[in-house]
């Protein structure tokens, strides 16, 4: 009996084991991993369009000559407000002028209340060869002085002509828009300047009196008395300067305020040697039309027969 019970129990275990083995095993649960995300894209900033970038003064002007020579400390007029109480040289085009009766304003933006302005008071007008509001209108200039803040706008007060320098091109005279007695000098006129605004009144000119002397010979000290006339000037060249774009033959060490001869590159090859070397320390006679540039008289020489070395 005990044997049958044991046999039955073993048979039961065998059946149960077989039944368990016939069932497929339950797989272990699988998990979907957390999704991975593409990080936010990074962008390489592109440089602003050329038209929006700060412009280095004069960099886009071809055939440009500054009589005082090249400089690396010039700031554009739109940046002048960042230099209050500092002495700087500001470059820009005079786009608007106004004579208030006792002061002349040279504005470098049409929005004159918020842009850089050069100021010339009446006591200093007679230091210039013509009324400043006409003389500098439409011209590309450099103004040197201390930037002051006046009612929220930057300005430089000009009390001497040497503080303002007008850009030259390659000796090509331009038609002046002002009612000046002086003939136009070789200065650049930006394309934007077409005519004097209606709010720029014509004012008295301050040119030296003209003296009838066609063909007359005079000393270099007298040249300023013959503006607009063709004369022969005699004197010794004591100093020369070659800026690679223009040659100046100076008749006085104070070259800023005295007569000079101006020779542009197109004429250099016409002389036996570079004019600044060829004429250094020579006594000469030079013939041509007297022009005024920055309050000093000059003759532009473009032919060798205009200038003669005196033995």
C-alpha atoms as a PDB file:
ATOM      1  CA  UNK A   1       0.000   0.000   0.000  1.00  0.00           C
ATOM      2  CA  UNK A   2       2.780   2.350   0.914  1.00  0.00           C
ATOM      3  CA  UNK A   3       4.479   1.437  -2.342  1.00  0.00           C
ATOM      4  CA  UNK A   4       1.408   2.400  -4.390  1.00  0.00           C
ATOM      5  CA  UNK A   5       1.139   5.751  -2.576  1.00  0.00           C
ATOM      6  CA  UNK A   6       4.771   6.543  -3.306  1.00  0.00           C
ATOM      7  CA  UNK A   7       4.400   5.571  -6.938  1.00  0.00           C
ATOM      8  CA  UNK A   8       1.296   7.738  -7.318  1.00  0.00           C
ATOM      9  CA  UNK A   9       3.048  10.703  -5.777  1.00  0.00           C
ATOM     10  CA  UNK A  10       6.005  10.367  -8.135  1.00  0.00           C
ATOM     11  CA  UNK A  11       3.638  10.039 -11.070  1.00  0.00           C
ATOM     12  CA  UNK A  12       1.870  13.249  -9.976  1.00  0.00           C
ATOM     13  CA  UNK A  13       5.144  15.144  -9.743  1.00  0.00           C
ATOM     14  CA  UNK A  14       6.154  13.927 -13.188  1.00  0.00           C
ATOM     15  CA  UNK A  15       2.864  15.110 -14.723  1.00  0.00           C
ATOM     16  CA  UNK A  16       3.109  18.519 -13.015  1.00  0.00           C
ATOM     17  CA  UNK A  17       6.725  18.948 -14.103  1.00  0.00           C
ATOM     18  CA  UNK A  18       5.871  18.062 -17.691  1.00  0.00           C
ATOM     19  CA  UNK A  19       2.958  20.483 -17.682  1.00  0.00           C
ATOM     20  CA  UNK A  20       5.154  23.284 -16.368  1.00  0.00           C
ATOM     21  CA  UNK A  21       7.773  22.603 -18.991  1.00  0.00           C
ATOM     22  CA  UNK A  22       5.165  22.763 -21.803  1.00  0.00           C
ATOM     23  CA  UNK A  23       4.267  26.426 -20.871  1.00  0.00           C
ATOM     24  CA  UNK A  24       6.505  29.091 -22.546  1.00  0.00           C
ATOM     25  CA  UNK A  25       8.465  31.070 -20.002  1.00  0.00           C
ATOM     26  CA  UNK A  26       7.188  34.551 -19.227  1.00  0.00           C
ATOM     27  CA  UNK A  27       9.704  36.994 -20.726  1.00  0.00           C
ATOM     28  CA  UNK A  28      11.270  39.642 -18.559  1.00  0.00           C
ATOM     29  CA  UNK A  29       9.631  43.015 -19.076  1.00  0.00           C
ATOM     30  CA  UNK A  30      11.355  45.335 -21.562  1.00  0.00           C
ATOM     31  CA  UNK A  31      11.506  49.127 -21.120  1.00  0.00           C
ATOM     32  CA  UNK A  32      11.642  51.782 -23.776  1.00  0.00           C
ATOM     33  CA  UNK A  33      14.629  53.921 -22.914  1.00  0.00           C
ATOM     34  CA  UNK A  34      14.130  57.673 -22.431  1.00  0.00           C
ATOM     35  CA  UNK A  35      14.221  59.359 -25.802  1.00  0.00           C
ATOM     36  CA  UNK A  36      17.338  61.273 -26.687  1.00  0.00           C
ATOM     37  CA  UNK A  37      16.941  64.847 -27.829  1.00  0.00           C
ATOM     38  CA  UNK A  38      18.906  66.721 -30.455  1.00  0.00           C
ATOM     39  CA  UNK A  39      20.389  69.709 -28.670  1.00  0.00           C
ATOM     40  CA  UNK A  40      19.287  73.177 -29.722  1.00  0.00           C
ATOM     41  CA  UNK A  41      21.201  74.127 -32.853  1.00  0.00           C
ATOM     42  CA  UNK A  42      24.001  76.625 -32.463  1.00  0.00           C
ATOM     43  CA  UNK A  43      24.397  79.437 -34.978  1.00  0.00           C
ATOM     44  CA  UNK A  44      27.594  81.095 -36.096  1.00  0.00           C
ATOM     45  CA  UNK A  45      26.747  84.782 -36.142  1.00  0.00           C
ATOM     46  CA  UNK A  46      27.124  86.275 -39.595  1.00  0.00           C
ATOM     47  CA  UNK A  47      28.882  89.625 -39.996  1.00  0.00           C
ATOM     48  CA  UNK A  48      26.509  92.523 -40.573  1.00  0.00           C
ATOM     49  CA  UNK A  49      26.047  93.751 -44.132  1.00  0.00           C
ATOM     50  CA  UNK A  50      28.758  96.094 -45.273  1.00  0.00           C
ATOM     51  CA  UNK A  51      26.313  98.977 -45.283  1.00  0.00           C
ATOM     52  CA  UNK A  52      25.662  98.433 -41.539  1.00  0.00           C
ATOM     53  CA  UNK A  53      29.270  98.193 -40.401  1.00  0.00           C
ATOM     54  CA  UNK A  54      31.131 101.111 -38.878  1.00  0.00           C
ATOM     55  CA  UNK A  55      33.078 102.752 -41.709  1.00  0.00           C
ATOM     56  CA  UNK A  56      36.663 103.721 -41.322  1.00  0.00           C
ATOM     57  CA  UNK A  57      36.900 107.367 -42.386  1.00  0.00           C
ATOM     58  CA  UNK A  58      37.990 107.869 -45.997  1.00  0.00           C
ATOM     59  CA  UNK A  59      38.299 104.137 -46.733  1.00  0.00           C
ATOM     60  CA  UNK A  60      35.887 104.224 -49.662  1.00  0.00           C
ATOM     61  CA  UNK A  61      37.097 107.479 -51.217  1.00  0.00           C
ATOM     62  CA  UNK A  62      39.398 106.995 -54.177  1.00  0.00           C
ATOM     63  CA  UNK A  63      42.027 109.505 -55.285  1.00  0.00           C
ATOM     64  CA  UNK A  64      41.671 111.273 -51.972  1.00  0.00           C
ATOM     65  CA  UNK A  65      44.367 113.636 -50.737  1.00  0.00           C
ATOM     66  CA  UNK A  66      44.498 115.222 -47.300  1.00  0.00           C
ATOM     67  CA  UNK A  67      46.919 118.188 -47.373  1.00  0.00           C
ATOM     68  CA  UNK A  68      48.090 117.438 -43.834  1.00  0.00           C
ATOM     69  CA  UNK A  69      48.920 113.865 -44.851  1.00  0.00           C
ATOM     70  CA  UNK A  70      47.430 110.516 -43.769  1.00  0.00           C
ATOM     71  CA  UNK A  71      46.437 110.005 -40.135  1.00  0.00           C
ATOM     72  CA  UNK A  72      45.362 106.993 -38.091  1.00  0.00           C
ATOM     73  CA  UNK A  73      43.641 108.887 -35.263  1.00  0.00           C
ATOM     74  CA  UNK A  74      40.599 110.159 -37.193  1.00  0.00           C
ATOM     75  CA  UNK A  75      37.077 109.257 -36.060  1.00  0.00           C
ATOM     76  CA  UNK A  76      33.868 109.392 -38.113  1.00  0.00           C
ATOM     77  CA  UNK A  77      31.447 112.200 -37.287  1.00  0.00           C
ATOM     78  CA  UNK A  78      28.781 109.771 -36.067  1.00  0.00           C
ATOM     79  CA  UNK A  79      31.111 108.621 -33.263  1.00  0.00           C
ATOM     80  CA  UNK A  80      31.997 112.097 -31.975  1.00  0.00           C
ATOM     81  CA  UNK A  81      29.543 111.867 -29.063  1.00  0.00           C
ATOM     82  CA  UNK A  82      31.716 109.173 -27.481  1.00  0.00           C
ATOM     83  CA  UNK A  83      34.645 111.607 -27.104  1.00  0.00           C
ATOM     84  CA  UNK A  84      33.179 114.435 -25.034  1.00  0.00           C
ATOM     85  CA  UNK A  85      35.914 116.670 -23.507  1.00  0.00           C
ATOM     86  CA  UNK A  86      38.604 114.963 -25.607  1.00  0.00           C
ATOM     87  CA  UNK A  87      40.709 116.511 -28.363  1.00  0.00           C
ATOM     88  CA  UNK A  88      40.141 114.511 -31.543  1.00  0.00           C
ATOM     89  CA  UNK A  89      39.964 114.873 -35.306  1.00  0.00           C
ATOM     90  CA  UNK A  90      36.477 114.262 -36.687  1.00  0.00           C
ATOM     91  CA  UNK A  91      35.870 113.398 -40.343  1.00  0.00           C
ATOM     92  CA  UNK A  92      32.645 113.723 -42.276  1.00  0.00           C
ATOM     93  CA  UNK A  93      30.722 115.577 -44.967  1.00  0.00           C
ATOM     94  CA  UNK A  94      29.060 118.904 -44.214  1.00  0.00           C
ATOM     95  CA  UNK A  95      25.516 118.180 -45.406  1.00  0.00           C
ATOM     96  CA  UNK A  96      23.791 121.236 -43.968  1.00  0.00           C
ATOM     97  CA  UNK A  97      24.850 124.719 -42.882  1.00  0.00           C
ATOM     98  CA  UNK A  98      23.140 127.635 -41.195  1.00  0.00           C
ATOM     99  CA  UNK A  99      24.166 131.240 -40.522  1.00  0.00           C
ATOM    100  CA  UNK A 100      22.302 132.483 -37.447  1.00  0.00           C
ATOM    101  CA  UNK A 101      23.708 135.996 -37.697  1.00  0.00           C
ATOM    102  CA  UNK A 102      26.282 135.638 -34.951  1.00  0.00           C
ATOM    103  CA  UNK A 103      27.327 132.019 -35.462  1.00  0.00           C
ATOM    104  CA  UNK A 104      27.666 129.574 -38.351  1.00  0.00           C
ATOM    105  CA  UNK A 105      26.723 125.927 -37.868  1.00  0.00           C
ATOM    106  CA  UNK A 106      28.264 123.214 -40.043  1.00  0.00           C
ATOM    107  CA  UNK A 107      26.066 120.149 -39.619  1.00  0.00           C
ATOM    108  CA  UNK A 108      27.223 116.630 -40.449  1.00  0.00           C
ATOM    109  CA  UNK A 109      23.708 115.112 -40.394  1.00  0.00           C
ATOM    110  CA  UNK A 110      20.364 116.413 -41.603  1.00  0.00           C
ATOM    111  CA  UNK A 111      19.068 115.723 -38.089  1.00  0.00           C
ATOM    112  CA  UNK A 112      21.249 118.541 -36.784  1.00  0.00           C
ATOM    113  CA  UNK A 113      19.779 118.398 -33.274  1.00  0.00           C
ATOM    114  CA  UNK A 114      21.220 114.918 -32.736  1.00  0.00           C
ATOM    115  CA  UNK A 115      24.371 114.914 -34.856  1.00  0.00           C
ATOM    116  CA  UNK A 116      27.871 116.339 -34.729  1.00  0.00           C
ATOM    117  CA  UNK A 117      28.213 120.068 -35.502  1.00  0.00           C
ATOM    118  CA  UNK A 118      31.171 122.387 -36.089  1.00  0.00           C
ATOM    119  CA  UNK A 119      30.584 125.918 -34.789  1.00  0.00           C
ATOM    120  CA  UNK A 120      32.237 129.125 -36.025  1.00  0.00           C
ATOM    121  CA  UNK A 121      31.435 132.404 -34.255  1.00  0.00           C
ATOM    122  CA  UNK A 122      31.184 135.717 -36.078  1.00  0.00           C
ATOM    123  CA  UNK A 123      34.452 137.085 -34.660  1.00  0.00           C
ATOM    124  CA  UNK A 124      36.317 134.389 -36.591  1.00  0.00           C
ATOM    125  CA  UNK A 125      34.522 134.577 -39.958  1.00  0.00           C
ATOM    126  CA  UNK A 126      36.998 137.049 -41.424  1.00  0.00           C
ATOM    127  CA  UNK A 127      39.792 134.513 -40.978  1.00  0.00           C
ATOM    128  CA  UNK A 128      38.317 132.498 -43.847  1.00  0.00           C
ATOM    129  CA  UNK A 129      38.482 133.399 -47.557  1.00  0.00           C
ATOM    130  CA  UNK A 130      34.667 133.204 -47.851  1.00  0.00           C
ATOM    131  CA  UNK A 131      31.676 132.889 -45.558  1.00  0.00           C
ATOM    132  CA  UNK A 132      32.059 129.510 -43.800  1.00  0.00           C
ATOM    133  CA  UNK A 133      28.488 128.339 -44.453  1.00  0.00           C
ATOM    134  CA  UNK A 134      29.176 128.542 -48.201  1.00  0.00           C
ATOM    135  CA  UNK A 135      32.857 127.652 -48.160  1.00  0.00           C
ATOM    136  CA  UNK A 136      32.416 124.262 -46.473  1.00  0.00           C
ATOM    137  CA  UNK A 137      28.945 123.205 -47.617  1.00  0.00           C
ATOM    138  CA  UNK A 138      29.009 119.774 -49.289  1.00  0.00           C
ATOM    139  CA  UNK A 139      32.704 119.245 -48.558  1.00  0.00           C
ATOM    140  CA  UNK A 140      34.404 116.242 -46.995  1.00  0.00           C
ATOM    141  CA  UNK A 141      36.358 117.727 -44.092  1.00  0.00           C
ATOM    142  CA  UNK A 142      38.331 116.940 -40.965  1.00  0.00           C
ATOM    143  CA  UNK A 143      37.746 119.076 -37.884  1.00  0.00           C
ATOM    144  CA  UNK A 144      40.254 119.117 -35.030  1.00  0.00           C
ATOM    145  CA  UNK A 145      39.431 120.293 -31.527  1.00  0.00           C
ATOM    146  CA  UNK A 146      37.874 119.451 -28.180  1.00  0.00           C
ATOM    147  CA  UNK A 147      34.454 117.813 -28.456  1.00  0.00           C
ATOM    148  CA  UNK A 148      31.941 119.611 -26.246  1.00  0.00           C
ATOM    149  CA  UNK A 149      28.402 118.702 -25.310  1.00  0.00           C
ATOM    150  CA  UNK A 150      25.844 121.388 -26.094  1.00  0.00           C
ATOM    151  CA  UNK A 151      22.235 120.544 -25.240  1.00  0.00           C
ATOM    152  CA  UNK A 152      22.897 116.856 -25.766  1.00  0.00           C
ATOM    153  CA  UNK A 153      24.738 117.116 -29.091  1.00  0.00           C
ATOM    154  CA  UNK A 154      28.511 116.956 -29.699  1.00  0.00           C
ATOM    155  CA  UNK A 155      30.250 119.957 -31.235  1.00  0.00           C
ATOM    156  CA  UNK A 156      33.683 121.428 -31.880  1.00  0.00           C
ATOM    157  CA  UNK A 157      34.199 125.194 -31.894  1.00  0.00           C
ATOM    158  CA  UNK A 158      36.445 126.331 -34.756  1.00  0.00           C
ATOM    159  CA  UNK A 159      38.319 129.536 -34.005  1.00  0.00           C
ATOM    160  CA  UNK A 160      41.225 129.105 -36.446  1.00  0.00           C
ATOM    161  CA  UNK A 161      41.219 127.947 -40.092  1.00  0.00           C
ATOM    162  CA  UNK A 162      43.864 125.289 -39.430  1.00  0.00           C
ATOM    163  CA  UNK A 163      41.280 123.377 -37.374  1.00  0.00           C
ATOM    164  CA  UNK A 164      39.318 122.408 -40.494  1.00  0.00           C
ATOM    165  CA  UNK A 165      40.918 120.568 -43.417  1.00  0.00           C
ATOM    166  CA  UNK A 166      39.156 119.980 -46.737  1.00  0.00           C
ATOM    167  CA  UNK A 167      39.894 116.857 -48.763  1.00  0.00           C
ATOM    168  CA  UNK A 168      41.520 117.266 -52.173  1.00  0.00           C
ATOM    169  CA  UNK A 169      41.116 115.169 -55.282  1.00  0.00           C
ATOM    170  CA  UNK A 170      43.643 114.959 -58.071  1.00  0.00           C
ATOM    171  CA  UNK A 171      43.672 118.661 -58.802  1.00  0.00           C
ATOM    172  CA  UNK A 172      40.262 118.755 -60.448  1.00  0.00           C
ATOM    173  CA  UNK A 173      38.525 122.046 -59.615  1.00  0.00           C
ATOM    174  CA  UNK A 174      34.851 121.775 -58.738  1.00  0.00           C
ATOM    175  CA  UNK A 175      32.093 124.287 -59.282  1.00  0.00           C
ATOM    176  CA  UNK A 176      31.382 126.119 -56.075  1.00  0.00           C
ATOM    177  CA  UNK A 177      27.760 126.502 -55.078  1.00  0.00           C
ATOM    178  CA  UNK A 178      28.400 129.671 -53.107  1.00  0.00           C
ATOM    179  CA  UNK A 179      28.406 133.278 -54.252  1.00  0.00           C
ATOM    180  CA  UNK A 180      32.100 133.608 -53.457  1.00  0.00           C
ATOM    181  CA  UNK A 181      34.539 136.027 -55.049  1.00  0.00           C
ATOM    182  CA  UNK A 182      37.222 133.367 -54.838  1.00  0.00           C
ATOM    183  CA  UNK A 183      37.528 130.792 -57.630  1.00  0.00           C
ATOM    184  CA  UNK A 184      36.901 127.162 -56.626  1.00  0.00           C
ATOM    185  CA  UNK A 185      39.924 125.350 -55.312  1.00  0.00           C
ATOM    186  CA  UNK A 186      40.859 121.716 -55.814  1.00  0.00           C
ATOM    187  CA  UNK A 187      38.607 120.122 -53.245  1.00  0.00           C
ATOM    188  CA  UNK A 188      36.388 117.114 -53.370  1.00  0.00           C
ATOM    189  CA  UNK A 189      32.636 117.470 -53.686  1.00  0.00           C
ATOM    190  CA  UNK A 190      30.640 114.389 -52.616  1.00  0.00           C
ATOM    191  CA  UNK A 191      27.956 113.294 -55.046  1.00  0.00           C
ATOM    192  CA  UNK A 192      25.256 113.983 -52.479  1.00  0.00           C
ATOM    193  CA  UNK A 193      25.988 117.689 -52.541  1.00  0.00           C
ATOM    194  CA  UNK A 194      24.029 119.271 -55.375  1.00  0.00           C
ATOM    195  CA  UNK A 195      22.880 122.657 -54.218  1.00  0.00           C
ATOM    196  CA  UNK A 196      22.813 124.772 -51.120  1.00  0.00           C
ATOM    197  CA  UNK A 197      19.689 124.211 -49.014  1.00  0.00           C
ATOM    198  CA  UNK A 198      17.173 127.014 -48.939  1.00  0.00           C
ATOM    199  CA  UNK A 199      17.862 127.572 -45.246  1.00  0.00           C
ATOM    200  CA  UNK A 200      21.517 128.389 -45.946  1.00  0.00           C
ATOM    201  CA  UNK A 201      21.513 132.146 -46.505  1.00  0.00           C
ATOM    202  CA  UNK A 202      24.048 133.824 -48.706  1.00  0.00           C
ATOM    203  CA  UNK A 203      26.351 135.924 -46.573  1.00  0.00           C
ATOM    204  CA  UNK A 204      29.076 138.472 -46.987  1.00  0.00           C
ATOM    205  CA  UNK A 205      32.295 137.058 -48.407  1.00  0.00           C
ATOM    206  CA  UNK A 206      35.655 137.809 -46.913  1.00  0.00           C
ATOM    207  CA  UNK A 207      38.029 137.372 -49.852  1.00  0.00           C
ATOM    208  CA  UNK A 208      41.005 139.721 -50.026  1.00  0.00           C
ATOM    209  CA  UNK A 209      40.477 142.562 -52.458  1.00  0.00           C
ATOM    210  CA  UNK A 210      41.334 141.721 -56.041  1.00  0.00           C
ATOM    211  CA  UNK A 211      44.055 143.764 -57.671  1.00  0.00           C
ATOM    212  CA  UNK A 212      44.217 144.008 -61.455  1.00  0.00           C
ATOM    213  CA  UNK A 213      47.603 142.561 -62.341  1.00  0.00           C
ATOM    214  CA  UNK A 214      47.285 140.098 -65.223  1.00  0.00           C
ATOM    215  CA  UNK A 215      50.816 138.871 -65.966  1.00  0.00           C
ATOM    216  CA  UNK A 216      52.379 140.956 -63.193  1.00  0.00           C
ATOM    217  CA  UNK A 217      55.295 139.570 -61.176  1.00  0.00           C
ATOM    218  CA  UNK A 218      54.922 139.708 -57.394  1.00  0.00           C
ATOM    219  CA  UNK A 219      56.690 138.276 -54.350  1.00  0.00           C
ATOM    220  CA  UNK A 220      55.233 135.227 -52.691  1.00  0.00           C
ATOM    221  CA  UNK A 221      54.276 137.353 -49.663  1.00  0.00           C
ATOM    222  CA  UNK A 222      51.906 139.378 -51.894  1.00  0.00           C
ATOM    223  CA  UNK A 223      50.234 136.424 -53.644  1.00  0.00           C
ATOM    224  CA  UNK A 224      47.104 136.491 -51.452  1.00  0.00           C
ATOM    225  CA  UNK A 225      46.219 139.928 -52.888  1.00  0.00           C
ATOM    226  CA  UNK A 226      45.661 138.497 -56.368  1.00  0.00           C
ATOM    227  CA  UNK A 227      43.081 135.755 -55.860  1.00  0.00           C
ATOM    228  CA  UNK A 228      41.478 134.702 -59.131  1.00  0.00           C
ATOM    229  CA  UNK A 229      44.144 136.301 -61.303  1.00  0.00           C
ATOM    230  CA  UNK A 230      46.967 134.808 -63.341  1.00  0.00           C
ATOM    231  CA  UNK A 231      50.272 136.225 -62.148  1.00  0.00           C
ATOM    232  CA  UNK A 232      53.916 135.248 -61.742  1.00  0.00           C
ATOM    233  CA  UNK A 233      55.114 134.713 -58.188  1.00  0.00           C
ATOM    234  CA  UNK A 234      58.790 134.841 -57.297  1.00  0.00           C
ATOM    235  CA  UNK A 235      60.496 133.374 -54.252  1.00  0.00           C
ATOM    236  CA  UNK A 236      62.674 130.636 -52.796  1.00  0.00           C
ATOM    237  CA  UNK A 237      61.299 127.208 -52.006  1.00  0.00           C
ATOM    238  CA  UNK A 238      62.377 126.487 -48.431  1.00  0.00           C
ATOM    239  CA  UNK A 239      60.424 123.311 -47.775  1.00  0.00           C
ATOM    240  CA  UNK A 240      58.770 120.530 -49.809  1.00  0.00           C
ATOM    241  CA  UNK A 241      56.403 117.695 -48.976  1.00  0.00           C
ATOM    242  CA  UNK A 242      55.469 114.594 -50.991  1.00  0.00           C
ATOM    243  CA  UNK A 243      52.396 112.714 -49.700  1.00  0.00           C
ATOM    244  CA  UNK A 244      52.520 110.225 -52.628  1.00  0.00           C
ATOM    245  CA  UNK A 245      49.316 111.855 -53.903  1.00  0.00           C
ATOM    246  CA  UNK A 246      50.385 115.491 -54.089  1.00  0.00           C
ATOM    247  CA  UNK A 247      53.603 117.517 -53.822  1.00  0.00           C
ATOM    248  CA  UNK A 248      53.723 120.865 -52.035  1.00  0.00           C
ATOM    249  CA  UNK A 249      56.476 123.401 -52.683  1.00  0.00           C
ATOM    250  CA  UNK A 250      56.431 125.791 -49.727  1.00  0.00           C
ATOM    251  CA  UNK A 251      57.860 129.301 -49.693  1.00  0.00           C
ATOM    252  CA  UNK A 252      57.791 129.699 -45.914  1.00  0.00           C
ATOM    253  CA  UNK A 253      58.295 127.380 -42.940  1.00  0.00           C
ATOM    254  CA  UNK A 254      54.798 128.379 -41.820  1.00  0.00           C
ATOM    255  CA  UNK A 255      53.362 126.431 -44.765  1.00  0.00           C
ATOM    256  CA  UNK A 256      49.821 126.452 -43.387  1.00  0.00           C
ATOM    257  CA  UNK A 257      49.454 130.213 -43.750  1.00  0.00           C
ATOM    258  CA  UNK A 258      51.674 131.097 -46.705  1.00  0.00           C
ATOM    259  CA  UNK A 259      51.869 130.756 -50.477  1.00  0.00           C
ATOM    260  CA  UNK A 260      52.641 127.331 -51.930  1.00  0.00           C
ATOM    261  CA  UNK A 261      52.855 125.515 -55.258  1.00  0.00           C
ATOM    262  CA  UNK A 262      50.772 122.352 -55.663  1.00  0.00           C
ATOM    263  CA  UNK A 263      51.726 119.620 -58.159  1.00  0.00           C
ATOM    264  CA  UNK A 264      49.577 116.500 -58.607  1.00  0.00           C
ATOM    265  CA  UNK A 265      50.906 113.090 -59.783  1.00  0.00           C
ATOM    266  CA  UNK A 266      49.753 113.479 -63.397  1.00  0.00           C
ATOM    267  CA  UNK A 267      52.425 116.154 -63.857  1.00  0.00           C
ATOM    268  CA  UNK A 268      55.329 114.600 -61.930  1.00  0.00           C
ATOM    269  CA  UNK A 269      56.748 112.706 -64.888  1.00  0.00           C
ATOM    270  CA  UNK A 270      57.000 115.938 -66.897  1.00  0.00           C
ATOM    271  CA  UNK A 271      59.895 117.151 -64.721  1.00  0.00           C
ATOM    272  CA  UNK A 272      63.543 115.920 -64.835  1.00  0.00           C
ATOM    273  CA  UNK A 273      63.212 114.615 -61.271  1.00  0.00           C
ATOM    274  CA  UNK A 274      60.497 114.358 -58.636  1.00  0.00           C
ATOM    275  CA  UNK A 275      59.421 118.002 -58.122  1.00  0.00           C
ATOM    276  CA  UNK A 276      59.920 117.884 -54.342  1.00  0.00           C
ATOM    277  CA  UNK A 277      63.594 117.037 -54.948  1.00  0.00           C
ATOM    278  CA  UNK A 278      64.106 119.003 -58.153  1.00  0.00           C
ATOM    279  CA  UNK A 279      62.915 122.351 -56.741  1.00  0.00           C
ATOM    280  CA  UNK A 280      64.132 122.066 -53.131  1.00  0.00           C
ATOM    281  CA  UNK A 281      65.939 125.275 -52.041  1.00  0.00           C
ATOM    282  CA  UNK A 282      65.641 126.776 -55.548  1.00  0.00           C
ATOM    283  CA  UNK A 283      64.747 130.377 -56.342  1.00  0.00           C
ATOM    284  CA  UNK A 284      61.840 130.110 -58.789  1.00  0.00           C
ATOM    285  CA  UNK A 285      59.186 132.004 -60.670  1.00  0.00           C
ATOM    286  CA  UNK A 286      55.844 130.276 -60.980  1.00  0.00           C
ATOM    287  CA  UNK A 287      52.973 131.435 -63.176  1.00  0.00           C
ATOM    288  CA  UNK A 288      49.327 130.514 -62.745  1.00  0.00           C
ATOM    289  CA  UNK A 289      45.972 131.412 -61.273  1.00  0.00           C
ATOM    290  CA  UNK A 290      46.001 132.221 -57.564  1.00  0.00           C
ATOM    291  CA  UNK A 291      43.544 130.137 -55.574  1.00  0.00           C
ATOM    292  CA  UNK A 292      42.791 130.114 -51.871  1.00  0.00           C
ATOM    293  CA  UNK A 293      42.809 126.855 -49.949  1.00  0.00           C
ATOM    294  CA  UNK A 294      42.317 126.849 -46.174  1.00  0.00           C
ATOM    295  CA  UNK A 295      43.138 130.537 -45.917  1.00  0.00           C
ATOM    296  CA  UNK A 296      46.429 130.327 -47.821  1.00  0.00           C
ATOM    297  CA  UNK A 297      47.132 131.164 -51.501  1.00  0.00           C
ATOM    298  CA  UNK A 298      48.390 128.572 -53.952  1.00  0.00           C
ATOM    299  CA  UNK A 299      49.072 127.924 -57.625  1.00  0.00           C
ATOM    300  CA  UNK A 300      48.447 124.490 -59.117  1.00  0.00           C
ATOM    301  CA  UNK A 301      51.202 123.597 -61.595  1.00  0.00           C
ATOM    302  CA  UNK A 302      50.379 121.026 -64.255  1.00  0.00           C
ATOM    303  CA  UNK A 303      52.935 122.033 -66.933  1.00  0.00           C
ATOM    304  CA  UNK A 304      56.716 122.450 -66.517  1.00  0.00           C
ATOM    305  CA  UNK A 305      56.707 125.808 -68.308  1.00  0.00           C
ATOM    306  CA  UNK A 306      54.694 127.271 -65.415  1.00  0.00           C
ATOM    307  CA  UNK A 307      57.713 127.162 -63.106  1.00  0.00           C
ATOM    308  CA  UNK A 308      61.179 128.504 -63.888  1.00  0.00           C
ATOM    309  CA  UNK A 309      64.361 128.092 -61.837  1.00  0.00           C
ATOM    310  CA  UNK A 310      66.273 131.358 -61.438  1.00  0.00           C
ATOM    311  CA  UNK A 311      70.038 130.982 -61.752  1.00  0.00           C
END
